[in-house]
């Protein structure tokens, strides 16, 4: 598995940045210049020190997990399920019930967690 499959997709990373997700993560999407649309993944230690539209945080699942509340105000807890190699489900609900109040699906674990963070942010369930 390559690093692009372990971090959030470029599109979701852009949405996270726009929604205010912290931009200091272990990896980031990097576009060396504004004239090309070629994005690549870099490790933060190689960060060029540029804060602009050429750099977007690419969080790992563990970094996103730290940002998700374990329990919401309605008493629901989150559960993550790997259905197969390319299907992940994350939902908030009663523990082990599969009766989810809030639910997302994605191709990767990182994207499932990112989608949930965006959903909770949009609904005002996290700050």
C-alpha atoms as a PDB file:
ATOM      1  CA  UNK A   1       0.000   0.000   0.000  1.00  0.00           C
ATOM      2  CA  UNK A   2       1.416   3.400  -0.942  1.00  0.00           C
ATOM      3  CA  UNK A   3       1.198   6.542   1.200  1.00  0.00           C
ATOM      4  CA  UNK A   4      -1.560   8.050  -0.970  1.00  0.00           C
ATOM      5  CA  UNK A   5      -3.837   5.226   0.235  1.00  0.00           C
ATOM      6  CA  UNK A   6      -2.995   5.897   3.902  1.00  0.00           C
ATOM      7  CA  UNK A   7      -3.693   9.655   4.022  1.00  0.00           C
ATOM      8  CA  UNK A   8      -6.784  11.609   3.046  1.00  0.00           C
ATOM      9  CA  UNK A   9      -7.427  12.126  -0.645  1.00  0.00           C
ATOM     10  CA  UNK A  10      -6.422  15.458  -2.133  1.00  0.00           C
ATOM     11  CA  UNK A  11     -10.071  16.486  -2.545  1.00  0.00           C
ATOM     12  CA  UNK A  12     -10.978  15.692   1.079  1.00  0.00           C
ATOM     13  CA  UNK A  13      -7.744  17.325   2.271  1.00  0.00           C
ATOM     14  CA  UNK A  14      -8.809  20.517   0.500  1.00  0.00           C
ATOM     15  CA  UNK A  15     -12.236  20.333   2.155  1.00  0.00           C
ATOM     16  CA  UNK A  16     -10.643  19.766   5.564  1.00  0.00           C
ATOM     17  CA  UNK A  17      -8.406  22.807   5.112  1.00  0.00           C
ATOM     18  CA  UNK A  18     -11.356  24.952   4.064  1.00  0.00           C
ATOM     19  CA  UNK A  19     -13.338  23.773   7.114  1.00  0.00           C
ATOM     20  CA  UNK A  20     -10.520  24.718   9.489  1.00  0.00           C
ATOM     21  CA  UNK A  21      -8.811  21.399  10.134  1.00  0.00           C
ATOM     22  CA  UNK A  22      -5.319  21.945  11.645  1.00  0.00           C
ATOM     23  CA  UNK A  23      -2.689  22.001   8.916  1.00  0.00           C
ATOM     24  CA  UNK A  24       0.214  20.526  10.887  1.00  0.00           C
ATOM     25  CA  UNK A  25       0.150  16.771  10.146  1.00  0.00           C
ATOM     26  CA  UNK A  26       2.851  14.180   9.478  1.00  0.00           C
ATOM     27  CA  UNK A  27       2.216  14.293   5.716  1.00  0.00           C
ATOM     28  CA  UNK A  28       0.979  16.957   3.365  1.00  0.00           C
ATOM     29  CA  UNK A  29      -0.045  17.379  -0.245  1.00  0.00           C
ATOM     30  CA  UNK A  30       2.464  19.631  -2.001  1.00  0.00           C
ATOM     31  CA  UNK A  31       2.307  21.394  -5.349  1.00  0.00           C
ATOM     32  CA  UNK A  32       5.809  22.706  -6.104  1.00  0.00           C
ATOM     33  CA  UNK A  33       4.570  25.599  -8.219  1.00  0.00           C
ATOM     34  CA  UNK A  34       1.317  27.280  -9.128  1.00  0.00           C
ATOM     35  CA  UNK A  35       1.599  26.561 -12.853  1.00  0.00           C
ATOM     36  CA  UNK A  36       1.091  22.825 -12.551  1.00  0.00           C
ATOM     37  CA  UNK A  37      -1.709  20.758 -11.108  1.00  0.00           C
ATOM     38  CA  UNK A  38       0.630  17.938 -10.095  1.00  0.00           C
ATOM     39  CA  UNK A  39       0.293  17.206  -6.392  1.00  0.00           C
ATOM     40  CA  UNK A  40       2.530  14.845  -4.435  1.00  0.00           C
ATOM     41  CA  UNK A  41       2.724  13.603  -0.853  1.00  0.00           C
ATOM     42  CA  UNK A  42       5.629  14.714   1.311  1.00  0.00           C
ATOM     43  CA  UNK A  43       6.676  13.973   4.857  1.00  0.00           C
ATOM     44  CA  UNK A  44       6.477  17.030   7.138  1.00  0.00           C
ATOM     45  CA  UNK A  45      10.234  17.028   7.886  1.00  0.00           C
ATOM     46  CA  UNK A  46      10.787  17.902   4.242  1.00  0.00           C
ATOM     47  CA  UNK A  47       8.264  20.772   4.488  1.00  0.00           C
ATOM     48  CA  UNK A  48       9.509  23.725   2.431  1.00  0.00           C
ATOM     49  CA  UNK A  49       8.247  26.341   4.936  1.00  0.00           C
ATOM     50  CA  UNK A  50       5.610  27.698   2.590  1.00  0.00           C
ATOM     51  CA  UNK A  51       2.144  28.514   3.928  1.00  0.00           C
ATOM     52  CA  UNK A  52      -0.091  29.029   0.913  1.00  0.00           C
ATOM     53  CA  UNK A  53      -2.297  27.121  -1.515  1.00  0.00           C
ATOM     54  CA  UNK A  54       0.586  24.847  -2.521  1.00  0.00           C
ATOM     55  CA  UNK A  55       0.555  23.004   0.837  1.00  0.00           C
ATOM     56  CA  UNK A  56      -2.420  21.089   2.270  1.00  0.00           C
ATOM     57  CA  UNK A  57      -2.363  18.796   5.305  1.00  0.00           C
ATOM     58  CA  UNK A  58      -2.850  15.106   4.447  1.00  0.00           C
ATOM     59  CA  UNK A  59      -3.783  13.561   7.793  1.00  0.00           C
ATOM     60  CA  UNK A  60      -3.299   9.918   8.668  1.00  0.00           C
ATOM     61  CA  UNK A  61      -6.216   7.972  10.229  1.00  0.00           C
ATOM     62  CA  UNK A  62      -4.640   8.258  13.703  1.00  0.00           C
ATOM     63  CA  UNK A  63      -4.418  12.050  13.390  1.00  0.00           C
ATOM     64  CA  UNK A  64      -8.068  12.257  12.360  1.00  0.00           C
ATOM     65  CA  UNK A  65      -9.080   9.853  15.119  1.00  0.00           C
ATOM     66  CA  UNK A  66      -7.580  12.179  17.705  1.00  0.00           C
ATOM     67  CA  UNK A  67      -9.857  14.944  16.404  1.00  0.00           C
ATOM     68  CA  UNK A  68     -13.079  12.907  16.553  1.00  0.00           C
ATOM     69  CA  UNK A  69     -14.966  12.907  19.848  1.00  0.00           C
ATOM     70  CA  UNK A  70     -15.406   9.465  21.377  1.00  0.00           C
ATOM     71  CA  UNK A  71     -18.969  10.372  22.318  1.00  0.00           C
ATOM     72  CA  UNK A  72     -21.418  12.984  21.051  1.00  0.00           C
ATOM     73  CA  UNK A  73     -23.825  15.019  23.171  1.00  0.00           C
ATOM     74  CA  UNK A  74     -26.664  12.668  22.204  1.00  0.00           C
ATOM     75  CA  UNK A  75     -24.811   9.820  23.941  1.00  0.00           C
ATOM     76  CA  UNK A  76     -23.726   8.055  20.758  1.00  0.00           C
ATOM     77  CA  UNK A  77     -20.265   6.521  20.403  1.00  0.00           C
ATOM     78  CA  UNK A  78     -18.317   5.980  17.197  1.00  0.00           C
ATOM     79  CA  UNK A  79     -17.514   2.678  15.556  1.00  0.00           C
ATOM     80  CA  UNK A  80     -15.345   1.975  12.522  1.00  0.00           C
ATOM     81  CA  UNK A  81     -15.851  -1.047  10.283  1.00  0.00           C
ATOM     82  CA  UNK A  82     -13.705  -2.325   7.423  1.00  0.00           C
ATOM     83  CA  UNK A  83     -16.147  -4.042   5.089  1.00  0.00           C
ATOM     84  CA  UNK A  84     -13.532  -5.046   2.496  1.00  0.00           C
ATOM     85  CA  UNK A  85     -10.288  -3.686   1.029  1.00  0.00           C
ATOM     86  CA  UNK A  86     -11.996  -0.632  -0.463  1.00  0.00           C
ATOM     87  CA  UNK A  87     -14.952  -0.001   1.840  1.00  0.00           C
ATOM     88  CA  UNK A  88     -14.911   1.579   5.272  1.00  0.00           C
ATOM     89  CA  UNK A  89     -17.883   2.654   7.381  1.00  0.00           C
ATOM     90  CA  UNK A  90     -17.753   4.991  10.339  1.00  0.00           C
ATOM     91  CA  UNK A  91     -20.798   5.855  12.398  1.00  0.00           C
ATOM     92  CA  UNK A  92     -21.976   7.252  15.691  1.00  0.00           C
ATOM     93  CA  UNK A  93     -24.699   5.333  17.501  1.00  0.00           C
ATOM     94  CA  UNK A  94     -25.328   2.853  20.265  1.00  0.00           C
ATOM     95  CA  UNK A  95     -22.325   0.602  20.845  1.00  0.00           C
ATOM     96  CA  UNK A  96     -22.399  -2.611  18.772  1.00  0.00           C
ATOM     97  CA  UNK A  97     -25.934  -1.950  17.535  1.00  0.00           C
ATOM     98  CA  UNK A  98     -25.311  -0.824  13.925  1.00  0.00           C
ATOM     99  CA  UNK A  99     -28.140   1.657  14.545  1.00  0.00           C
ATOM    100  CA  UNK A 100     -26.185   4.723  13.570  1.00  0.00           C
ATOM    101  CA  UNK A 101     -27.400   8.271  14.031  1.00  0.00           C
ATOM    102  CA  UNK A 102     -24.502   9.651  11.952  1.00  0.00           C
ATOM    103  CA  UNK A 103     -22.860   7.487   9.276  1.00  0.00           C
ATOM    104  CA  UNK A 104     -20.320   7.837   6.428  1.00  0.00           C
ATOM    105  CA  UNK A 105     -18.677   5.465   3.946  1.00  0.00           C
ATOM    106  CA  UNK A 106     -15.411   5.775   2.038  1.00  0.00           C
ATOM    107  CA  UNK A 107     -12.783   3.835   0.096  1.00  0.00           C
ATOM    108  CA  UNK A 108     -10.090   4.286   2.762  1.00  0.00           C
ATOM    109  CA  UNK A 109      -9.982   4.571   6.533  1.00  0.00           C
ATOM    110  CA  UNK A 110      -8.497   8.074   6.335  1.00  0.00           C
ATOM    111  CA  UNK A 111     -11.266   9.266   4.022  1.00  0.00           C
ATOM    112  CA  UNK A 112     -13.988   7.749   6.233  1.00  0.00           C
ATOM    113  CA  UNK A 113     -12.586   9.599   9.237  1.00  0.00           C
ATOM    114  CA  UNK A 114     -12.208  12.810   7.211  1.00  0.00           C
ATOM    115  CA  UNK A 115     -15.794  12.602   5.972  1.00  0.00           C
ATOM    116  CA  UNK A 116     -17.027  12.140   9.535  1.00  0.00           C
ATOM    117  CA  UNK A 117     -14.979  15.097  10.789  1.00  0.00           C
ATOM    118  CA  UNK A 118     -16.419  17.264   7.993  1.00  0.00           C
ATOM    119  CA  UNK A 119     -19.953  16.047   8.731  1.00  0.00           C
ATOM    120  CA  UNK A 120     -19.635  16.770  12.464  1.00  0.00           C
ATOM    121  CA  UNK A 121     -18.102  20.181  11.740  1.00  0.00           C
ATOM    122  CA  UNK A 122     -20.882  21.068   9.295  1.00  0.00           C
ATOM    123  CA  UNK A 123     -23.581  20.036  11.802  1.00  0.00           C
ATOM    124  CA  UNK A 124     -21.912  22.020  14.591  1.00  0.00           C
ATOM    125  CA  UNK A 125     -21.200  18.886  16.631  1.00  0.00           C
ATOM    126  CA  UNK A 126     -17.486  19.769  16.935  1.00  0.00           C
ATOM    127  CA  UNK A 127     -15.702  23.118  17.012  1.00  0.00           C
END
